[in-house]
Amino acid sequence: MEAFFNYILQFGNLNNHQVNFITSKARQMKLAKGEYFSEAGKVPRYVGFLQKGVARFCYYNNRGEDITHSFVEENNFISDQQRFESQIISSEYIQAEPDCELLSFSKKDWDEIGSSILSWKEIEQLIIKNCLLKAIERRSPLISEDAANRYSMFNEHFPGLVNRVALSHVSAFKGFL
């Protein structure tokens, strides 16, 4: 929980009562390698904070190919946030790459946090903005490079990740191979 609150407190302040309230809403979740946190064709049920492991965001293109568009490591949020908030069907998967441990929040609990803590919506928006900026920073330089340079840059942006995830998923990440 300490890493979770250290992350949250980068974006706003919470008093002890608010910290205790959020803690009461958090649920520990474990996902085995290959298990889905969120699935295409279903409404996302949770927001998660990854404590251990790596989550892979992926989809299947019109040829049925498995395309990885992002990896998220420990001490970051994972969710299909837009579809979670709107409670509409997702078009992507969030999958545990190695076994994962995370804090999870149901839609009901997430909404209760938002309605009970006045500054939560601002904190949440800053977290979402931060997550989007990280994703852009990690992916944008990879687009215009050849495969060898993309792989090298991937290792710079995701140090050690290549040893933790399936190489087929790394190669499916923006077409390394």
C-alpha atoms as a PDB file:
ATOM      1  CA  MET A   1       0.000   0.000   0.000  1.00  0.00           C
ATOM      2  CA  GLU A   2       2.899   2.350   0.650  1.00  0.00           C
ATOM      3  CA  ALA A   3       3.934   2.455  -3.029  1.00  0.00           C
ATOM      4  CA  PHE A   4       0.305   3.069  -4.005  1.00  0.00           C
ATOM      5  CA  PHE A   5      -0.058   6.078  -1.727  1.00  0.00           C
ATOM      6  CA  ASN A   6       3.394   7.394  -2.653  1.00  0.00           C
ATOM      7  CA  TYR A   7       2.192   7.357  -6.254  1.00  0.00           C
ATOM      8  CA  ILE A   8      -1.171   9.002  -5.454  1.00  0.00           C
ATOM      9  CA  LEU A   9       0.375  11.706  -3.276  1.00  0.00           C
ATOM     10  CA  GLN A  10       2.445  12.953  -6.228  1.00  0.00           C
ATOM     11  CA  PHE A  11      -0.815  14.351  -7.601  1.00  0.00           C
ATOM     12  CA  GLY A  12      -2.579  15.737  -4.537  1.00  0.00           C
ATOM     13  CA  ASN A  13      -2.909  15.631  -0.777  1.00  0.00           C
ATOM     14  CA  LEU A  14      -4.963  13.250   1.313  1.00  0.00           C
ATOM     15  CA  ASN A  15      -5.571  13.285   5.045  1.00  0.00           C
ATOM     16  CA  ASN A  16      -5.425  10.160   7.227  1.00  0.00           C
ATOM     17  CA  HIS A  17      -9.195   9.672   7.106  1.00  0.00           C
ATOM     18  CA  GLN A  18      -9.136   9.739   3.288  1.00  0.00           C
ATOM     19  CA  VAL A  19      -6.183   7.334   3.149  1.00  0.00           C
ATOM     20  CA  ASN A  20      -8.047   4.935   5.453  1.00  0.00           C
ATOM     21  CA  PHE A  21     -11.194   5.243   3.341  1.00  0.00           C
ATOM     22  CA  ILE A  22      -9.324   4.444   0.112  1.00  0.00           C
ATOM     23  CA  THR A  23      -7.544   1.556   1.857  1.00  0.00           C
ATOM     24  CA  SER A  24     -10.923   0.118   2.882  1.00  0.00           C
ATOM     25  CA  LYS A  25     -12.000   0.066  -0.782  1.00  0.00           C
ATOM     26  CA  ALA A  26      -8.849  -1.607  -2.151  1.00  0.00           C
ATOM     27  CA  ARG A  27      -8.824  -5.353  -2.778  1.00  0.00           C
ATOM     28  CA  GLN A  28      -5.743  -7.500  -3.293  1.00  0.00           C
ATOM     29  CA  MET A  29      -5.832  -9.382  -6.574  1.00  0.00           C
ATOM     30  CA  LYS A  30      -3.477 -11.966  -8.037  1.00  0.00           C
ATOM     31  CA  LEU A  31      -3.353 -12.850 -11.708  1.00  0.00           C
ATOM     32  CA  ALA A  32      -1.480 -15.841 -13.067  1.00  0.00           C
ATOM     33  CA  LYS A  33       0.636 -15.390 -16.171  1.00  0.00           C
ATOM     34  CA  GLY A  34      -1.684 -15.143 -19.171  1.00  0.00           C
ATOM     35  CA  GLU A  35      -4.772 -14.314 -17.099  1.00  0.00           C
ATOM     36  CA  TYR A  36      -6.770 -11.243 -18.108  1.00  0.00           C
ATOM     37  CA  PHE A  37      -7.402  -8.229 -15.909  1.00  0.00           C
ATOM     38  CA  SER A  38      -9.756  -6.867 -18.580  1.00  0.00           C
ATOM     39  CA  GLU A  39     -11.019  -8.511 -21.780  1.00  0.00           C
ATOM     40  CA  ALA A  40     -12.190  -7.330 -25.181  1.00  0.00           C
ATOM     41  CA  GLY A  41     -15.912  -7.892 -25.608  1.00  0.00           C
ATOM     42  CA  LYS A  42     -16.592  -7.308 -21.906  1.00  0.00           C
ATOM     43  CA  VAL A  43     -17.157  -4.231 -19.765  1.00  0.00           C
ATOM     44  CA  PRO A  44     -14.040  -3.477 -17.665  1.00  0.00           C
ATOM     45  CA  ARG A  45     -14.797  -4.196 -14.015  1.00  0.00           C
ATOM     46  CA  TYR A  46     -11.764  -2.780 -12.213  1.00  0.00           C
ATOM     47  CA  VAL A  47      -9.084  -0.151 -11.968  1.00  0.00           C
ATOM     48  CA  GLY A  48      -5.843  -1.688 -10.768  1.00  0.00           C
ATOM     49  CA  PHE A  49      -2.545  -0.559  -9.310  1.00  0.00           C
ATOM     50  CA  LEU A  50       0.193  -2.993 -10.264  1.00  0.00           C
ATOM     51  CA  GLN A  51       2.327  -3.970  -7.273  1.00  0.00           C
ATOM     52  CA  LYS A  52       4.236  -6.850  -8.855  1.00  0.00           C
ATOM     53  CA  GLY A  53       4.571  -8.053 -12.426  1.00  0.00           C
ATOM     54  CA  VAL A  54       3.954  -6.614 -15.873  1.00  0.00           C
ATOM     55  CA  ALA A  55       0.655  -6.006 -17.651  1.00  0.00           C
ATOM     56  CA  ARG A  56       0.410  -6.229 -21.414  1.00  0.00           C
ATOM     57  CA  PHE A  57      -2.168  -4.175 -23.326  1.00  0.00           C
ATOM     58  CA  CYS A  58      -3.068  -5.910 -26.582  1.00  0.00           C
ATOM     59  CA  TYR A  59      -5.718  -6.461 -29.238  1.00  0.00           C
ATOM     60  CA  TYR A  60      -6.292  -8.628 -32.291  1.00  0.00           C
ATOM     61  CA  ASN A  61      -6.210  -6.900 -35.659  1.00  0.00           C
ATOM     62  CA  ASN A  62      -8.508  -7.703 -38.589  1.00  0.00           C
ATOM     63  CA  ARG A  63      -6.174 -10.537 -39.648  1.00  0.00           C
ATOM     64  CA  GLY A  64      -6.376 -12.127 -36.196  1.00  0.00           C
ATOM     65  CA  GLU A  65      -2.818 -11.155 -35.273  1.00  0.00           C
ATOM     66  CA  ASP A  66      -2.047 -10.506 -31.611  1.00  0.00           C
ATOM     67  CA  ILE A  67      -0.764  -6.912 -31.378  1.00  0.00           C
ATOM     68  CA  THR A  68       0.849  -5.619 -28.186  1.00  0.00           C
ATOM     69  CA  HIS A  69       0.540  -1.854 -27.921  1.00  0.00           C
ATOM     70  CA  SER A  70       1.894  -1.283 -24.430  1.00  0.00           C
ATOM     71  CA  PHE A  71       3.478  -2.784 -21.347  1.00  0.00           C
ATOM     72  CA  VAL A  72       3.002  -1.413 -17.832  1.00  0.00           C
ATOM     73  CA  GLU A  73       5.308  -2.284 -14.955  1.00  0.00           C
ATOM     74  CA  GLU A  74       5.030  -2.138 -11.172  1.00  0.00           C
ATOM     75  CA  ASN A  75       3.843   0.954  -9.342  1.00  0.00           C
ATOM     76  CA  ASN A  76       1.555   2.109 -12.126  1.00  0.00           C
ATOM     77  CA  PHE A  77      -2.177   2.022 -12.727  1.00  0.00           C
ATOM     78  CA  ILE A  78      -3.706  -0.356 -15.227  1.00  0.00           C
ATOM     79  CA  SER A  79      -7.193   0.053 -16.640  1.00  0.00           C
ATOM     80  CA  ASP A  80      -9.182   0.604 -19.774  1.00  0.00           C
ATOM     81  CA  GLN A  81     -10.142   3.859 -18.111  1.00  0.00           C
ATOM     82  CA  GLN A  82     -12.434   5.391 -20.711  1.00  0.00           C
ATOM     83  CA  ARG A  83     -14.511   2.235 -21.056  1.00  0.00           C
ATOM     84  CA  PHE A  84     -14.381   1.579 -17.300  1.00  0.00           C
ATOM     85  CA  GLU A  85     -15.801   5.029 -16.575  1.00  0.00           C
ATOM     86  CA  SER A  86     -18.432   4.759 -19.316  1.00  0.00           C
ATOM     87  CA  GLN A  87     -19.157   1.098 -18.539  1.00  0.00           C
ATOM     88  CA  ILE A  88     -19.023   0.134 -22.204  1.00  0.00           C
ATOM     89  CA  ILE A  89     -17.509  -2.922 -23.873  1.00  0.00           C
ATOM     90  CA  SER A  90     -13.737  -2.933 -24.241  1.00  0.00           C
ATOM     91  CA  SER A  91     -11.933  -3.579 -27.514  1.00  0.00           C
ATOM     92  CA  GLU A  92      -8.614  -4.547 -25.936  1.00  0.00           C
ATOM     93  CA  TYR A  93      -7.136  -6.959 -23.429  1.00  0.00           C
ATOM     94  CA  ILE A  94      -5.062  -6.279 -20.336  1.00  0.00           C
ATOM     95  CA  GLN A  95      -3.112  -9.437 -19.586  1.00  0.00           C
ATOM     96  CA  ALA A  96      -0.728 -10.504 -16.826  1.00  0.00           C
ATOM     97  CA  GLU A  97       2.589 -11.222 -18.488  1.00  0.00           C
ATOM     98  CA  PRO A  98       4.399 -12.823 -15.566  1.00  0.00           C
ATOM     99  CA  ASP A  99       2.271 -13.486 -12.478  1.00  0.00           C
ATOM    100  CA  CYS A 100       0.927 -10.183 -11.134  1.00  0.00           C
ATOM    101  CA  GLU A 101      -0.191  -8.800  -7.801  1.00  0.00           C
ATOM    102  CA  LEU A 102      -2.260  -5.656  -7.692  1.00  0.00           C
ATOM    103  CA  LEU A 103      -4.665  -3.541  -5.753  1.00  0.00           C
ATOM    104  CA  SER A 104      -8.026  -3.423  -7.467  1.00  0.00           C
ATOM    105  CA  PHE A 105     -11.033  -1.167  -7.168  1.00  0.00           C
ATOM    106  CA  SER A 106     -14.486  -2.063  -8.460  1.00  0.00           C
ATOM    107  CA  LYS A 107     -16.525   0.539 -10.330  1.00  0.00           C
ATOM    108  CA  LYS A 108     -18.774   0.977  -7.289  1.00  0.00           C
ATOM    109  CA  ASP A 109     -15.831   1.490  -4.923  1.00  0.00           C
ATOM    110  CA  TRP A 110     -13.988   3.768  -7.373  1.00  0.00           C
ATOM    111  CA  ASP A 111     -17.115   5.925  -7.703  1.00  0.00           C
ATOM    112  CA  GLU A 112     -17.534   6.027  -3.913  1.00  0.00           C
ATOM    113  CA  ILE A 113     -13.963   7.289  -3.566  1.00  0.00           C
ATOM    114  CA  GLY A 114     -14.717   9.966  -6.161  1.00  0.00           C
ATOM    115  CA  SER A 115     -17.902  11.097  -4.458  1.00  0.00           C
ATOM    116  CA  SER A 116     -16.425  11.045  -0.930  1.00  0.00           C
ATOM    117  CA  ILE A 117     -13.095  12.806  -1.470  1.00  0.00           C
ATOM    118  CA  LEU A 118     -13.531  16.308  -2.865  1.00  0.00           C
ATOM    119  CA  SER A 119     -10.121  16.487  -4.510  1.00  0.00           C
ATOM    120  CA  TRP A 120     -10.257  12.950  -5.972  1.00  0.00           C
ATOM    121  CA  LYS A 121     -11.459  13.922  -9.460  1.00  0.00           C
ATOM    122  CA  GLU A 122      -8.544  16.340  -9.824  1.00  0.00           C
ATOM    123  CA  ILE A 123      -6.095  13.714  -8.538  1.00  0.00           C
ATOM    124  CA  GLU A 124      -7.609  11.132 -10.883  1.00  0.00           C
ATOM    125  CA  GLN A 125      -7.325  13.461 -13.896  1.00  0.00           C
ATOM    126  CA  LEU A 126      -3.667  14.169 -13.121  1.00  0.00           C
ATOM    127  CA  ILE A 127      -2.983  10.432 -12.808  1.00  0.00           C
ATOM    128  CA  ILE A 128      -4.689   9.748 -16.153  1.00  0.00           C
ATOM    129  CA  LYS A 129      -2.743  12.571 -17.787  1.00  0.00           C
ATOM    130  CA  ASN A 130       0.509  11.187 -16.361  1.00  0.00           C
ATOM    131  CA  CYS A 131      -0.280   7.667 -17.619  1.00  0.00           C
ATOM    132  CA  LEU A 132      -1.057   8.976 -21.109  1.00  0.00           C
ATOM    133  CA  LEU A 133       2.118  11.058 -21.228  1.00  0.00           C
ATOM    134  CA  LYS A 134       4.207   8.046 -20.179  1.00  0.00           C
ATOM    135  CA  ALA A 135       2.615   5.933 -22.901  1.00  0.00           C
ATOM    136  CA  ILE A 136       3.288   8.586 -25.544  1.00  0.00           C
ATOM    137  CA  GLU A 137       6.878   9.091 -24.380  1.00  0.00           C
ATOM    138  CA  ARG A 138       7.534   5.356 -24.596  1.00  0.00           C
ATOM    139  CA  ARG A 139       5.831   4.719 -27.944  1.00  0.00           C
ATOM    140  CA  SER A 140       6.329   7.830 -30.065  1.00  0.00           C
ATOM    141  CA  PRO A 141      10.095   7.469 -30.632  1.00  0.00           C
ATOM    142  CA  LEU A 142       9.588   3.857 -31.690  1.00  0.00           C
ATOM    143  CA  ILE A 143       7.311   4.636 -34.625  1.00  0.00           C
ATOM    144  CA  SER A 144       9.816   6.160 -37.045  1.00  0.00           C
ATOM    145  CA  GLU A 145      12.746   3.828 -36.340  1.00  0.00           C
ATOM    146  CA  ASP A 146      13.841   0.618 -38.033  1.00  0.00           C
ATOM    147  CA  ALA A 147      13.468  -2.689 -36.178  1.00  0.00           C
ATOM    148  CA  ALA A 148      16.998  -2.713 -34.703  1.00  0.00           C
ATOM    149  CA  ASN A 149      16.679   0.829 -33.345  1.00  0.00           C
ATOM    150  CA  ARG A 150      13.152   0.158 -32.043  1.00  0.00           C
ATOM    151  CA  TYR A 151      14.456  -2.847 -30.111  1.00  0.00           C
ATOM    152  CA  SER A 152      17.330  -0.806 -28.673  1.00  0.00           C
ATOM    153  CA  MET A 153      14.966   2.017 -27.676  1.00  0.00           C
ATOM    154  CA  PHE A 154      12.539  -0.518 -26.216  1.00  0.00           C
ATOM    155  CA  ASN A 155      15.314  -1.736 -23.911  1.00  0.00           C
ATOM    156  CA  GLU A 156      16.033   1.871 -22.888  1.00  0.00           C
ATOM    157  CA  HIS A 157      12.379   2.618 -22.093  1.00  0.00           C
ATOM    158  CA  PHE A 158      11.629  -0.779 -20.536  1.00  0.00           C
ATOM    159  CA  PRO A 159      14.913  -1.873 -18.895  1.00  0.00           C
ATOM    160  CA  GLY A 160      14.891  -5.549 -17.981  1.00  0.00           C
ATOM    161  CA  LEU A 161      11.424  -6.115 -19.391  1.00  0.00           C
ATOM    162  CA  VAL A 162      12.657  -8.310 -22.223  1.00  0.00           C
ATOM    163  CA  ASN A 163      13.681 -10.865 -19.555  1.00  0.00           C
ATOM    164  CA  ARG A 164      10.251 -10.807 -17.914  1.00  0.00           C
ATOM    165  CA  VAL A 165       7.824 -11.147 -20.814  1.00  0.00           C
ATOM    166  CA  ALA A 166       7.394 -13.529 -23.726  1.00  0.00           C
ATOM    167  CA  LEU A 167       9.629 -12.568 -26.646  1.00  0.00           C
ATOM    168  CA  SER A 168       6.687 -13.098 -28.993  1.00  0.00           C
ATOM    169  CA  HIS A 169       4.874 -10.296 -27.150  1.00  0.00           C
ATOM    170  CA  VAL A 170       7.922  -8.042 -27.356  1.00  0.00           C
ATOM    171  CA  SER A 171       8.122  -8.699 -31.093  1.00  0.00           C
ATOM    172  CA  ALA A 172       4.393  -7.968 -31.417  1.00  0.00           C
ATOM    173  CA  PHE A 173       4.990  -4.591 -29.768  1.00  0.00           C
ATOM    174  CA  LYS A 174       4.919  -2.184 -32.698  1.00  0.00           C
ATOM    175  CA  GLY A 175       6.413  -4.708 -35.110  1.00  0.00           C
ATOM    176  CA  PHE A 176       9.972  -5.303 -33.932  1.00  0.00           C
ATOM    177  CA  LEU A 177      10.386  -8.384 -36.074  1.00  0.00           C
END
